[in-house]
């Protein structure tokens, strides 16, 4: 039995070492160079934590004809609203996409209003599944020196996954908000999370994003973040505007 298990174990260890050399070490080195001339308290921050001054929030394809079919859609919408509110609070750039809106509809209304009110948050139409088509986003992120891409939206195993891989290939650090992304089927969602995590993406929850952006207590921003955290979670399984969704799909 030991001889049968050892080769698989060795391959796994080799994969982990390769991952560390190709992703973790360069990321730490890049952040070390960036923080060399910054205040001491900034130097203490791990490069694996989000920084409000180095982040961009991306919302992918949360559209009218897609959302009614997504598992935990009410929780996803709630978390997206909290993330958008926090991004505006910390003046974090927001970018949003819509996949073929003539066929799949516009971004769902609670989020559309947030996005319309947010400065610098145009909704970009795309035909590719990946947001690689939104090349201007990457140019802006580079120009603004914001290498951390916080990804949300649907579906996890299609547009979200392909965007995450393309962002990582372009040299950005991807933070995937696991409770603000979703798919129609749980297996697709879970498999996509595993692929992204194993390939160097950071899995993170909405509340972790809020507190890492906030960084400290005792500030006016912390009080507002605390209010977001205290919001009651939507009841699991509650219908998402079912009657309106049925009309759209007819």
Protein backbone atom coordinates (compact mmCIF):
# COMPACT_ATOMS: atom_id res chain seq x y z
CA UNK A 1 0.00 0.00 0.00
CA UNK A 2 2.81 2.43 0.86
CA UNK A 3 4.48 2.00 -2.52
CA UNK A 4 1.16 2.71 -4.25
CA UNK A 5 0.53 5.90 -2.28
CA UNK A 6 4.04 7.35 -2.41
CA UNK A 7 4.12 8.34 -6.12
CA UNK A 8 0.85 10.28 -5.79
CA UNK A 9 2.14 11.97 -2.63
CA UNK A 10 5.41 12.89 -4.34
CA UNK A 11 3.57 14.36 -7.31
CA UNK A 12 1.41 16.44 -4.97
CA UNK A 13 4.48 17.73 -3.11
CA UNK A 14 6.18 18.61 -6.39
CA UNK A 15 3.04 20.49 -7.46
CA UNK A 16 2.99 22.48 -4.20
CA UNK A 17 6.66 23.40 -4.54
CA UNK A 18 6.13 24.51 -8.12
CA UNK A 19 3.13 26.59 -7.03
CA UNK A 20 5.17 28.28 -4.32
CA UNK A 21 8.05 29.10 -6.69
CA UNK A 22 5.83 30.38 -9.50
CA UNK A 23 3.15 32.27 -7.52
CA UNK A 24 3.80 32.78 -3.81
CA UNK A 25 7.47 33.79 -3.88
CA UNK A 26 7.12 36.35 -6.72
CA UNK A 27 4.06 37.85 -5.03
CA UNK A 28 5.86 38.28 -1.70
CA UNK A 29 8.93 39.69 -3.44
CA UNK A 30 6.84 42.19 -5.40
CA UNK A 31 5.09 43.45 -2.26
CA UNK A 32 8.38 43.62 -0.36
CA UNK A 33 9.77 45.91 -3.04
CA UNK A 34 6.64 48.07 -3.01
CA UNK A 35 6.59 48.51 0.79
CA UNK A 36 10.32 49.14 1.19
CA UNK A 37 9.83 52.92 1.48
CA UNK A 38 6.48 52.91 3.27
CA UNK A 39 5.69 53.50 6.99
CA UNK A 40 6.56 50.74 9.43
CA UNK A 41 2.93 49.80 10.15
CA UNK A 42 2.39 49.14 6.43
CA UNK A 43 5.43 46.87 6.30
CA UNK A 44 3.85 44.63 8.93
CA UNK A 45 0.91 43.79 6.67
CA UNK A 46 1.02 40.44 4.89
CA UNK A 47 1.05 40.56 1.08
CA UNK A 48 -1.73 37.95 1.20
CA UNK A 49 -4.14 40.44 2.82
CA UNK A 50 -6.30 42.85 0.84
CA UNK A 51 -5.30 46.49 0.83
CA UNK A 52 -7.99 49.12 0.14
CA UNK A 53 -5.40 51.24 -1.66
CA UNK A 54 -4.42 48.42 -4.00
CA UNK A 55 -7.77 46.76 -4.80
CA UNK A 56 -10.36 46.85 -7.54
CA UNK A 57 -13.82 45.28 -7.16
CA UNK A 58 -15.11 43.41 -10.22
CA UNK A 59 -18.78 42.38 -10.60
CA UNK A 60 -19.33 39.84 -13.38
CA UNK A 61 -22.64 39.31 -15.22
CA UNK A 62 -25.20 39.50 -12.39
CA UNK A 63 -28.04 39.71 -14.92
CA UNK A 64 -31.81 39.43 -14.94
CA UNK A 65 -32.17 36.21 -16.93
CA UNK A 66 -29.27 34.44 -15.22
CA UNK A 67 -29.78 35.29 -11.56
CA UNK A 68 -33.13 33.49 -11.01
CA UNK A 69 -31.41 30.14 -11.70
CA UNK A 70 -28.44 30.62 -9.35
CA UNK A 71 -28.13 28.76 -6.05
CA UNK A 72 -28.18 31.03 -2.95
CA UNK A 73 -28.99 34.01 -5.20
CA UNK A 74 -30.44 36.11 -2.37
CA UNK A 75 -27.32 35.70 -0.25
CA UNK A 76 -25.13 36.52 -3.25
CA UNK A 77 -27.14 39.68 -4.00
CA UNK A 78 -26.99 40.73 -0.34
CA UNK A 79 -23.22 40.23 -0.18
CA UNK A 80 -22.73 42.10 -3.43
CA UNK A 81 -24.66 45.06 -2.04
CA UNK A 82 -22.46 45.06 1.07
CA UNK A 83 -19.29 44.87 -1.01
CA UNK A 84 -20.40 47.70 -3.29
CA UNK A 85 -21.26 49.86 -0.28
CA UNK A 86 -17.86 49.17 1.28
CA UNK A 87 -16.04 49.82 -2.01
CA UNK A 88 -17.71 53.24 -2.24
CA UNK A 89 -16.86 53.90 1.43
CA UNK A 90 -13.16 53.17 0.87
CA UNK A 91 -13.09 54.77 -2.62
CA UNK A 92 -12.17 51.50 -4.29
CA UNK A 93 -12.70 51.44 -8.06
CA UNK A 94 -15.59 49.25 -9.23
CA UNK A 95 -15.91 47.59 -12.62
CA UNK A 96 -18.91 45.57 -13.81
CA UNK A 97 -19.64 43.51 -16.91
CA UNK A 98 -22.75 42.25 -18.69
CA UNK A 99 -22.68 39.21 -20.97
CA UNK A 100 -24.75 39.84 -24.12
CA UNK A 101 -27.35 42.01 -22.30
CA UNK A 102 -29.75 42.00 -25.26
CA UNK A 103 -30.31 38.32 -24.62
CA UNK A 104 -29.54 37.93 -20.92
CA UNK A 105 -30.93 41.21 -19.64
CA UNK A 106 -29.39 44.00 -17.60
CA UNK A 107 -27.75 43.76 -14.18
CA UNK A 108 -30.39 43.03 -11.52
CA UNK A 109 -31.96 46.20 -10.17
CA UNK A 110 -30.67 46.35 -6.56
CA UNK A 111 -27.12 46.18 -7.88
CA UNK A 112 -27.70 48.29 -10.98
CA UNK A 113 -28.67 51.26 -8.81
CA UNK A 114 -25.53 50.83 -6.71
CA UNK A 115 -23.38 50.68 -9.83
CA UNK A 116 -25.01 53.69 -11.43
CA UNK A 117 -24.35 55.70 -8.27
CA UNK A 118 -20.74 54.56 -7.97
CA UNK A 119 -18.11 56.82 -9.47
CA UNK A 120 -16.11 55.14 -12.22
CA UNK A 121 -18.30 52.06 -12.51
CA UNK A 122 -19.40 51.76 -16.13
CA UNK A 123 -21.12 48.50 -17.07
CA UNK A 124 -19.09 46.97 -19.86
CA UNK A 125 -20.79 44.75 -22.44
CA UNK A 126 -18.86 41.68 -23.53
CA UNK A 127 -19.28 38.63 -25.72
CA UNK A 128 -16.31 36.62 -24.43
CA UNK A 129 -17.00 34.64 -21.27
CA UNK A 130 -13.80 36.01 -19.72
CA UNK A 131 -13.44 39.65 -18.75
CA UNK A 132 -10.14 39.56 -20.63
CA UNK A 133 -12.22 41.25 -23.33
CA UNK A 134 -12.44 44.27 -21.00
CA UNK A 135 -8.82 45.19 -21.69
CA UNK A 136 -9.28 48.74 -20.44
CA UNK A 137 -9.84 47.39 -16.92
CA UNK A 138 -6.39 45.82 -16.84
CA UNK A 139 -4.78 48.96 -18.21
CA UNK A 140 -6.53 51.07 -15.57
CA UNK A 141 -5.59 48.68 -12.77
CA UNK A 142 -1.95 48.83 -13.84
CA UNK A 143 -2.00 52.62 -14.17
CA UNK A 144 -3.60 53.00 -10.73
CA UNK A 145 -1.13 50.51 -9.20
CA UNK A 146 -3.97 48.28 -8.00
CA UNK A 147 -2.81 44.69 -8.52
CA UNK A 148 -5.49 43.07 -6.32
CA UNK A 149 -8.63 42.06 -8.23
CA UNK A 150 -11.59 41.19 -5.98
CA UNK A 151 -13.91 39.04 -8.12
CA UNK A 152 -17.65 38.52 -7.64
CA UNK A 153 -20.55 37.48 -9.87
CA UNK A 154 -21.82 34.55 -11.90
CA UNK A 155 -21.39 31.90 -13.01
CA UNK A 156 -18.50 30.63 -10.91
CA UNK A 157 -17.47 27.88 -13.34
CA UNK A 158 -17.79 29.92 -16.55
CA UNK A 159 -17.25 33.69 -16.69
CA UNK A 160 -15.87 34.01 -13.17
CA UNK A 161 -13.35 31.17 -13.51
CA UNK A 162 -12.15 32.20 -16.96
CA UNK A 163 -11.77 35.81 -15.83
CA UNK A 164 -9.84 34.73 -12.72
CA UNK A 165 -7.39 32.67 -14.76
CA UNK A 166 -6.86 35.44 -17.30
CA UNK A 167 -6.33 38.06 -14.57
CA UNK A 168 -3.75 35.80 -12.91
CA UNK A 169 -2.04 35.19 -16.24
CA UNK A 170 -1.78 38.97 -16.66
CA UNK A 171 0.06 39.21 -13.32
CA UNK A 172 -2.75 40.29 -11.01
CA UNK A 173 -3.54 38.85 -7.58
CA UNK A 174 -7.04 37.39 -7.62
CA UNK A 175 -9.27 37.34 -4.53
CA UNK A 176 -12.45 35.36 -5.22
CA UNK A 177 -15.31 36.14 -2.84
CA UNK A 178 -16.83 32.69 -2.34
CA UNK A 179 -20.17 33.88 -0.92
CA UNK A 180 -20.60 36.50 -3.67
CA UNK A 181 -20.23 34.12 -6.63
CA UNK A 182 -22.53 31.32 -7.72
CA UNK A 183 -23.61 28.76 -10.31
CA UNK A 184 -26.79 26.90 -11.18
CA UNK A 185 -25.34 23.65 -9.81
CA UNK A 186 -23.29 23.18 -6.66
CA UNK A 187 -20.85 20.74 -8.28
CA UNK A 188 -19.88 23.31 -10.91
CA UNK A 189 -19.47 25.97 -8.23
CA UNK A 190 -17.34 23.81 -5.92
CA UNK A 191 -15.17 22.46 -8.72
CA UNK A 192 -14.46 25.97 -9.98
CA UNK A 193 -13.47 27.13 -6.49
CA UNK A 194 -11.07 24.20 -6.20
CA UNK A 195 -9.48 24.90 -9.60
CA UNK A 196 -9.00 28.59 -8.83
CA UNK A 197 -7.58 27.92 -5.37
CA UNK A 198 -5.18 25.24 -6.60
CA UNK A 199 -3.97 27.58 -9.34
CA UNK A 200 -3.00 30.41 -7.00
CA UNK A 201 -6.23 32.36 -6.51
CA UNK A 202 -7.17 33.53 -3.01
CA UNK A 203 -10.54 32.36 -1.68
CA UNK A 204 -12.11 34.89 0.68
CA UNK A 205 -15.51 35.69 2.21
CA UNK A 206 -17.42 38.95 2.10
CA UNK A 207 -16.79 39.76 5.76
CA UNK A 208 -13.08 39.08 5.37
CA UNK A 209 -13.00 41.55 2.47
CA UNK A 210 -14.78 44.19 4.58
CA UNK A 211 -12.44 43.86 7.56
CA UNK A 212 -9.26 43.66 5.47
CA UNK A 213 -10.24 46.83 3.63
CA UNK A 214 -11.11 48.48 6.96
CA UNK A 215 -7.90 47.25 8.65
CA UNK A 216 -8.50 48.84 12.07
CA UNK A 217 -11.23 49.73 14.59
CA UNK A 218 -11.93 53.11 16.10
CA UNK A 219 -12.48 54.91 12.80
CA UNK A 220 -15.65 56.31 11.18
CA UNK A 221 -15.23 53.70 8.43
CA UNK A 222 -15.18 50.91 10.99
CA UNK A 223 -18.55 52.04 12.36
CA UNK A 224 -20.05 51.83 8.88
CA UNK A 225 -18.47 48.44 8.23
CA UNK A 226 -19.88 47.23 11.56
CA UNK A 227 -23.35 48.20 10.39
CA UNK A 228 -22.87 46.16 7.22
CA UNK A 229 -21.72 43.16 9.25
CA UNK A 230 -24.75 43.41 11.55
CA UNK A 231 -27.23 43.19 8.69
CA UNK A 232 -29.38 40.04 8.94
CA UNK A 233 -28.55 37.35 6.43
CA UNK A 234 -31.39 36.60 3.96
CA UNK A 235 -33.30 33.43 4.71
CA UNK A 236 -31.87 30.49 2.78
CA UNK A 237 -34.09 29.40 -0.09
CA UNK A 238 -36.17 32.59 -0.31
CA UNK A 239 -37.41 33.20 -3.85
CA UNK A 240 -35.66 35.85 -5.91
CA UNK A 241 -38.36 37.96 -7.59
CA UNK A 242 -39.81 34.75 -9.03
CA UNK A 243 -42.82 36.25 -10.79
CA UNK A 244 -40.77 38.90 -12.55
CA UNK A 245 -38.14 36.32 -13.49
CA UNK A 246 -40.77 34.02 -14.98
CA UNK A 247 -42.06 36.86 -17.13
CA UNK A 248 -38.57 37.65 -18.40
CA UNK A 249 -37.91 34.05 -19.39
CA UNK A 250 -41.11 33.70 -21.41
